[in-house]
C-alpha atoms as a PDB file:
ATOM      1  CA  MET A   1     -35.094 -31.052 -14.444  1.00  0.00           C
ATOM      2  CA  ASP A   2     -35.077 -29.690 -11.020  1.00  0.00           C
ATOM      3  CA  ASN A   3     -31.684 -30.847  -9.988  1.00  0.00           C
ATOM      4  CA  LEU A   4     -30.346 -29.175 -14.171  1.00  0.00           C
ATOM      5  CA  ILE A   5     -32.879 -26.174 -12.868  1.00  0.00           C
ATOM      6  CA  ASN A   6     -30.641 -25.253  -8.765  1.00  0.00           C
ATOM      7  CA  GLN A   7     -27.592 -26.241 -10.637  1.00  0.00           C
ATOM      8  CA  HIS A   8     -27.577 -23.620 -13.696  1.00  0.00           C
ATOM      9  CA  ILE A   9     -28.580 -20.444 -10.125  1.00  0.00           C
ATOM     10  CA  PHE A  10     -25.774 -22.862  -8.354  1.00  0.00           C
ATOM     11  CA  LYS A  11     -22.908 -21.743 -10.467  1.00  0.00           C
ATOM     12  CA  VAL A  12     -24.560 -18.377 -12.360  1.00  0.00           C
ATOM     13  CA  GLY A  13     -25.634 -17.133  -7.938  1.00  0.00           C
ATOM     14  CA  ILE A  14     -21.570 -18.263  -7.608  1.00  0.00           C
ATOM     15  CA  GLY A  15     -20.122 -15.962 -11.088  1.00  0.00           C
ATOM     16  CA  LEU A  16     -22.256 -12.676 -10.409  1.00  0.00           C
ATOM     17  CA  ALA A  17     -20.677 -13.149  -6.289  1.00  0.00           C
ATOM     18  CA  ILE A  18     -16.906 -13.239  -7.628  1.00  0.00           C
ATOM     19  CA  LEU A  19     -17.766 -10.883 -10.365  1.00  0.00           C
ATOM     20  CA  LEU A  20     -19.786  -8.582  -7.512  1.00  0.00           C
ATOM     21  CA  SER A  21     -16.218  -8.913  -4.644  1.00  0.00           C
ATOM     22  CA  PHE A  22     -14.161  -7.818  -7.998  1.00  0.00           C
ATOM     23  CA  ILE A  23     -16.490  -4.609  -8.577  1.00  0.00           C
ATOM     24  CA  VAL A  24     -15.938  -3.577  -4.557  1.00  0.00           C
ATOM     25  CA  TYR A  25     -11.981  -5.135  -5.018  1.00  0.00           C
ATOM     26  CA  GLY A  26     -11.867  -1.750  -7.440  1.00  0.00           C
ATOM     27  CA  ILE A  27     -14.023   0.978  -5.659  1.00  0.00           C
ATOM     28  CA  THR A  28     -12.100  -0.211  -2.586  1.00  0.00           C
ATOM     29  CA  LYS A  29      -8.535   0.203  -4.346  1.00  0.00           C
ATOM     30  CA  ASP A  30      -9.824   3.180  -6.241  1.00  0.00           C
ATOM     31  CA  LEU A  31     -10.851   4.967  -3.000  1.00  0.00           C
ATOM     32  CA  ARG A  32      -7.935   4.025  -0.897  1.00  0.00           C
ATOM     33  CA  LEU A  33      -5.804   5.254  -5.189  1.00  0.00           C
ATOM     34  CA  GLN A  34      -7.601   9.004  -4.081  1.00  0.00           C
ATOM     35  CA  LYS A  35      -6.745   8.966  -0.131  1.00  0.00           C
ATOM     36  CA  GLN A  36      -3.297   8.331  -0.726  1.00  0.00           C
ATOM     37  CA  LEU A  37      -3.137  10.723  -3.033  1.00  0.00           C
ATOM     38  CA  LYS A  38      -4.965  13.633  -2.276  1.00  0.00           C
ATOM     39  CA  ILE A  39      -1.967  13.396   1.422  1.00  0.00           C
ATOM     40  CA  ASP A  40       0.834  12.990  -1.543  1.00  0.00           C
ATOM     41  CA  ARG A  41      -0.721  16.917  -2.470  1.00  0.00           C
ATOM     42  CA  LYS A  42      -1.374  18.376   0.766  1.00  0.00           C
ATOM     43  CA  ASN A  43       2.215  17.290   2.275  1.00  0.00           C
ATOM     44  CA  LYS A  44       3.312  18.983  -1.282  1.00  0.00           C
ATOM     45  CA  THR A  45       2.283  22.008  -0.588  1.00  0.00           C
ATOM     46  CA  GLU A  46       3.061  21.897   2.765  1.00  0.00           C
ATOM     47  CA  ALA A  47       6.886  21.542   1.994  1.00  0.00           C
ATOM     48  CA  GLU A  48       6.508  23.739  -0.847  1.00  0.00           C
ATOM     49  CA  LYS A  49       5.491  26.201   1.987  1.00  0.00           C
ATOM     50  CA  SER A  50       7.713  25.258   4.363  1.00  0.00           C
ATOM     51  CA  ARG A  51      10.209  26.071   2.390  1.00  0.00           C
ATOM     52  CA  LYS A  52       9.073  30.492   1.321  1.00  0.00           C
END
């Protein structure tokens, strides 16, 4: 009985770890994308100012 419970806890733990890694990856990817968009926007406004 203990073995069965331990296997279940182990599987659930692995599942949670995978889920957490996907969440962390998604958040960091989103933050990197926002940072890049901010840089792109800044470069675009500087380019428009230099044209004037």
